[in-house]
C-alpha atoms as a PDB file:
ATOM      1  CA  MET A   1      -6.284   4.721   0.626  1.00  0.00           C
ATOM      2  CA  ASN A   2      -9.056   5.316  -2.029  1.00  0.00           C
ATOM      3  CA  TYR A   3     -11.925   3.187  -1.900  1.00  0.00           C
ATOM      4  CA  VAL A   4     -14.471   1.843  -4.175  1.00  0.00           C
ATOM      5  CA  VAL A   5     -18.022   0.287  -3.673  1.00  0.00           C
ATOM      6  CA  ASP A   6     -18.696  -2.621  -5.107  1.00  0.00           C
ATOM      7  CA  LYS A   7     -21.846  -4.900  -4.322  1.00  0.00           C
ATOM      8  CA  GLU A   8     -20.468  -6.781  -1.175  1.00  0.00           C
ATOM      9  CA  GLY A   9     -19.181  -2.791   0.158  1.00  0.00           C
ATOM     10  CA  PHE A  10     -15.902  -0.737  -0.091  1.00  0.00           C
ATOM     11  CA  MET A  11     -12.840  -2.166  -1.013  1.00  0.00           C
ATOM     12  CA  PRO A  12      -9.579  -0.264  -1.096  1.00  0.00           C
ATOM     13  CA  GLY A  13      -8.875   1.647  -4.877  1.00  0.00           C
ATOM     14  CA  LEU A  14      -6.135   0.392  -7.096  1.00  0.00           C
ATOM     15  CA  PRO A  15      -2.744   0.938  -7.452  1.00  0.00           C
ATOM     16  CA  VAL A  16      -3.020   2.050  -3.318  1.00  0.00           C
ATOM     17  CA  ALA A  17      -1.361   5.188  -2.191  1.00  0.00           C
ATOM     18  CA  PRO A  18       0.586   5.696   0.965  1.00  0.00           C
ATOM     19  CA  HIS A  19      -0.891   7.331   3.751  1.00  0.00           C
ATOM     20  CA  PHE A  20       2.155   9.857   5.913  1.00  0.00           C
ATOM     21  CA  LYS A  21       2.062  12.669   8.059  1.00  0.00           C
ATOM     22  CA  GLU A  22       3.184  15.686   6.646  1.00  0.00           C
ATOM     23  CA  TYR A  23       5.588  18.506   8.475  1.00  0.00           C
ATOM     24  CA  ARG A  24       5.855  21.997   7.163  1.00  0.00           C
ATOM     25  CA  GLY A  25       7.379  22.987  10.357  1.00  0.00           C
ATOM     26  CA  ALA A  26      11.040  24.402  10.355  1.00  0.00           C
ATOM     27  CA  LYS A  27      12.435  22.291  12.960  1.00  0.00           C
ATOM     28  CA  PRO A  28      15.187  20.092  10.521  1.00  0.00           C
ATOM     29  CA  HIS A  29      15.015  16.937  12.780  1.00  0.00           C
ATOM     30  CA  LEU A  30      11.041  16.564  12.320  1.00  0.00           C
ATOM     31  CA  GLN A  31      11.713  17.416   8.435  1.00  0.00           C
ATOM     32  CA  ARG A  32      13.896  14.593   8.265  1.00  0.00           C
ATOM     33  CA  ARG A  33      11.772  12.273  10.007  1.00  0.00           C
ATOM     34  CA  ALA A  34       8.608  12.982   8.191  1.00  0.00           C
ATOM     35  CA  ALA A  35      10.831  12.581   4.742  1.00  0.00           C
ATOM     36  CA  GLU A  36      11.746   9.011   6.052  1.00  0.00           C
ATOM     37  CA  GLU A  37       8.409   8.126   6.688  1.00  0.00           C
ATOM     38  CA  PHE A  38       7.185   9.078   3.335  1.00  0.00           C
ATOM     39  CA  ARG A  39      10.283   7.024   1.781  1.00  0.00           C
ATOM     40  CA  THR A  40       8.841   4.353   3.954  1.00  0.00           C
ATOM     41  CA  ALA A  41       5.225   4.672   3.120  1.00  0.00           C
ATOM     42  CA  GLN A  42       5.931   4.817  -0.749  1.00  0.00           C
ATOM     43  CA  ARG A  43       7.968   1.654  -0.577  1.00  0.00           C
ATOM     44  CA  ILE A  44       5.554  -0.409   1.325  1.00  0.00           C
ATOM     45  CA  ALA A  45       2.393   1.196  -1.310  1.00  0.00           C
ATOM     46  CA  ASP A  46       5.171   0.386  -4.359  1.00  0.00           C
ATOM     47  CA  TYR A  47       5.775  -3.442  -2.642  1.00  0.00           C
ATOM     48  CA  VAL A  48       2.085  -4.364  -2.226  1.00  0.00           C
ATOM     49  CA  ASN A  49       0.968  -2.452  -5.655  1.00  0.00           C
ATOM     50  CA  ALA A  50       3.648  -5.243  -7.098  1.00  0.00           C
ATOM     51  CA  GLN A  51       2.303  -7.953  -5.204  1.00  0.00           C
ATOM     52  CA  ILE A  52      -0.819  -7.491  -6.839  1.00  0.00           C
ATOM     53  CA  ALA A  53      -0.335  -6.666 -10.003  1.00  0.00           C
ATOM     54  CA  ASN A  54       1.840  -9.771 -10.248  1.00  0.00           C
ATOM     55  CA  ASP A  55      -0.818 -12.124  -8.841  1.00  0.00           C
ATOM     56  CA  PRO A  56      -3.583 -13.235 -11.618  1.00  0.00           C
ATOM     57  CA  ASP A  57      -5.962 -13.890  -9.069  1.00  0.00           C
ATOM     58  CA  GLU A  58      -9.336 -11.771  -8.957  1.00  0.00           C
ATOM     59  CA  VAL A  59      -9.716 -11.664  -4.885  1.00  0.00           C
ATOM     60  CA  GLN A  60      -6.172 -11.162  -3.212  1.00  0.00           C
ATOM     61  CA  GLN A  61      -4.959 -10.858   0.524  1.00  0.00           C
ATOM     62  CA  ILE A  62      -1.980  -8.907   1.931  1.00  0.00           C
ATOM     63  CA  ILE A  63      -0.950  -9.060   5.155  1.00  0.00           C
ATOM     64  CA  PHE A  64       0.627  -6.445   6.956  1.00  0.00           C
ATOM     65  CA  GLY A  65       3.001  -8.852   8.805  1.00  0.00           C
ATOM     66  CA  PHE A  66       4.158 -10.673   5.752  1.00  0.00           C
ATOM     67  CA  VAL A  67       4.723  -7.099   4.160  1.00  0.00           C
ATOM     68  CA  ALA A  68       6.719  -5.917   7.249  1.00  0.00           C
ATOM     69  CA  ILE A  69       8.932  -8.976   7.251  1.00  0.00           C
ATOM     70  CA  GLU A  70       9.580  -8.970   3.450  1.00  0.00           C
ATOM     71  CA  LEU A  71      10.648  -5.507   3.738  1.00  0.00           C
ATOM     72  CA  GLY A  72      12.415  -5.060   7.003  1.00  0.00           C
ATOM     73  CA  VAL A  73      10.186  -2.465   8.707  1.00  0.00           C
ATOM     74  CA  THR A  74       7.596  -2.639  11.585  1.00  0.00           C
ATOM     75  CA  VAL A  75       3.613  -4.147  11.093  1.00  0.00           C
ATOM     76  CA  GLU A  76       2.838  -0.569  12.555  1.00  0.00           C
ATOM     77  CA  GLN A  77       4.944   1.137   9.705  1.00  0.00           C
ATOM     78  CA  VAL A  78       2.726  -1.268   7.545  1.00  0.00           C
ATOM     79  CA  GLN A  79      -0.622  -0.139   8.930  1.00  0.00           C
ATOM     80  CA  ARG A  80       0.254   3.383   9.000  1.00  0.00           C
ATOM     81  CA  ALA A  81       1.300   3.805   5.323  1.00  0.00           C
ATOM     82  CA  LEU A  82      -1.585   1.588   4.280  1.00  0.00           C
ATOM     83  CA  PRO A  83      -4.558   1.870   6.693  1.00  0.00           C
ATOM     84  CA  GLY A  84      -6.846  -1.190   6.546  1.00  0.00           C
ATOM     85  CA  GLY A  85      -8.080  -4.111   8.762  1.00  0.00           C
ATOM     86  CA  SER A  86      -6.888  -5.339  11.874  1.00  0.00           C
ATOM     87  CA  ASN A  87      -4.308  -7.806   9.872  1.00  0.00           C
ATOM     88  CA  GLY A  88      -4.191  -6.575   6.236  1.00  0.00           C
ATOM     89  CA  TRP A  89      -6.114  -6.071   3.444  1.00  0.00           C
ATOM     90  CA  THR A  90      -8.674  -7.593   0.859  1.00  0.00           C
ATOM     91  CA  PHE A  91      -8.507  -6.448  -2.994  1.00  0.00           C
ATOM     92  CA  ARG A  92     -11.060  -7.491  -5.941  1.00  0.00           C
ATOM     93  CA  VAL A  93      -8.664  -6.980  -9.061  1.00  0.00           C
ATOM     94  CA  ASP A  94     -10.575  -6.595 -11.991  1.00  0.00           C
ATOM     95  CA  GLU A  95      -9.203  -5.641 -15.510  1.00  0.00           C
ATOM     96  CA  TYR A  96      -9.504  -1.883 -15.442  1.00  0.00           C
ATOM     97  CA  ASP A  97      -7.496  -2.507 -12.104  1.00  0.00           C
ATOM     98  CA  ARG A  98      -4.707  -4.388 -13.922  1.00  0.00           C
ATOM     99  CA  LYS A  99      -4.211  -1.405 -16.488  1.00  0.00           C
ATOM    100  CA  GLY A 100      -3.742   0.720 -13.445  1.00  0.00           C
ATOM    101  CA  LEU A 101      -0.969  -1.875 -11.582  1.00  0.00           C
ATOM    102  CA  GLU A 102       0.862  -2.069 -15.574  1.00  0.00           C
ATOM    103  CA  ARG A 103       3.739  -0.096 -14.410  1.00  0.00           C
ATOM    104  CA  TYR A 104       4.503  -2.310 -11.175  1.00  0.00           C
ATOM    105  CA  LYS A 105       4.499  -6.097 -13.218  1.00  0.00           C
ATOM    106  CA  ARG A 106       7.300  -7.650 -13.601  1.00  0.00           C
ATOM    107  CA  ASP A 107       8.830  -8.864 -16.275  1.00  0.00           C
ATOM    108  CA  THR A 108       8.763 -12.819 -16.191  1.00  0.00           C
END
């Protein structure tokens, strides 16, 4: 995840990008597992970016457990995809971030 420094310390950069283990070996079952982990991590990142993009608040909190429930994955999968604090993330969203998140905005 990208981090930016603001006057209160480090905060995750937006839009968030997924973290996942890469596997470049020849074993097909490990290739499949790595591909599935990548797809799950990308789905989690897209969901979090959409949640942030569609919330007008400047400071937002996203909780691991809520993301896991919404996507039908485990909390551990969410934590691996987007490392953060003990329960989730806090984001400060400015106008620059909003521009980066436009592609995740839902039409209302």
